[in-house]
Amino acid sequence: MAQTYEFYCERADEAAARADTATLENVRERELRSEKTWRGLAEQARKTAEERVKADRIRAEKREAEGLMSGTA
């Protein structure tokens, strides 16, 4: 199952919150790295979703055009 933009953002927010409350510097740094990774994954998921919508639209337009050309629309 593909993860969503929202899922990744929630994980990033959780990591940021843990970083804010961390008392140990190494824990804070680890959580900040985690947040950065989750935000990167969120951005990648957002771009993938946008590309999927675009590809679906192009395929639908192509099917419609082919239907018009064959006279079955």
Protein backbone atom coordinates (compact mmCIF):
# COMPACT_ATOMS: atom_id res chain seq x y z
CA MET A 1 0.00 0.00 0.00
CA ALA A 2 1.37 3.37 -0.97
CA GLN A 3 1.73 5.86 1.83
CA THR A 4 0.10 9.24 1.48
CA TYR A 5 1.42 12.77 1.78
CA GLU A 6 -0.63 13.19 4.94
CA PHE A 7 0.86 10.06 6.51
CA TYR A 8 4.40 11.27 5.92
CA CYS A 9 3.59 14.76 7.20
CA GLU A 10 2.15 13.30 10.39
CA ARG A 11 5.34 11.30 10.97
CA ALA A 12 7.43 14.43 10.32
CA ASP A 13 5.35 16.44 12.79
CA GLU A 14 5.76 13.70 15.40
CA ALA A 15 9.53 13.68 14.91
CA ALA A 16 9.63 17.48 15.20
CA ALA A 17 7.66 17.33 18.44
CA ARG A 18 10.02 14.70 19.85
CA ALA A 19 12.99 16.87 18.84
CA ASP A 20 11.47 19.85 20.67
CA THR A 21 11.11 17.87 23.89
CA ALA A 22 14.40 15.97 23.71
CA THR A 23 16.80 16.63 26.55
CA LEU A 24 19.75 14.87 24.96
CA GLU A 25 21.42 16.56 22.00
CA ASN A 26 21.96 13.31 20.09
CA VAL A 27 18.27 12.43 20.43
CA ARG A 28 17.25 15.89 19.24
CA GLU A 29 19.56 15.62 16.22
CA ARG A 30 18.26 12.14 15.39
CA GLU A 31 14.67 13.36 15.50
CA LEU A 32 15.50 16.36 13.34
CA ARG A 33 17.11 14.04 10.76
CA SER A 34 14.02 11.86 10.95
CA GLU A 35 11.77 14.86 10.40
CA LYS A 36 13.80 15.90 7.35
CA THR A 37 13.53 12.40 5.89
CA TRP A 38 9.77 12.22 6.49
CA ARG A 39 9.30 15.65 4.86
CA GLY A 40 11.27 14.47 1.84
CA LEU A 41 9.10 11.37 1.58
CA ALA A 42 5.99 13.56 1.88
CA GLU A 43 7.15 15.75 -0.99
CA GLN A 44 7.92 12.69 -3.11
CA ALA A 45 4.44 11.26 -2.38
CA ARG A 46 2.84 14.60 -3.30
CA LYS A 47 4.70 14.75 -6.61
CA THR A 48 3.83 11.13 -7.39
CA ALA A 49 0.15 11.78 -6.72
CA GLU A 50 0.20 14.86 -8.97
CA GLU A 51 1.88 12.90 -11.77
CA ARG A 52 -0.67 10.11 -11.41
CA VAL A 53 -3.56 12.57 -11.77
CA LYS A 54 -1.89 14.12 -14.81
CA ALA A 55 -1.29 10.71 -16.43
CA ASP A 56 -4.89 9.66 -15.76
CA ARG A 57 -6.16 12.86 -17.38
CA ILE A 58 -3.96 12.34 -20.44
CA ARG A 59 -5.12 8.73 -20.81
CA ALA A 60 -8.78 9.79 -20.52
CA GLU A 61 -8.27 12.51 -23.15
CA LYS A 62 -6.58 10.00 -25.43
CA ARG A 63 -9.42 7.48 -25.04
CA GLU A 64 -11.96 10.21 -25.74
CA ALA A 65 -10.08 11.32 -28.86
CA GLU A 66 -9.81 7.74 -30.10
CA GLY A 67 -13.53 7.27 -29.49
CA LEU A 68 -14.35 10.38 -31.50
CA MET A 69 -12.13 9.25 -34.35
CA SER A 70 -13.80 5.84 -34.54
CA GLY A 71 -17.28 7.35 -34.30
CA THR A 72 -18.21 5.47 -31.13
CA ALA A 73 -18.27 8.41 -28.77
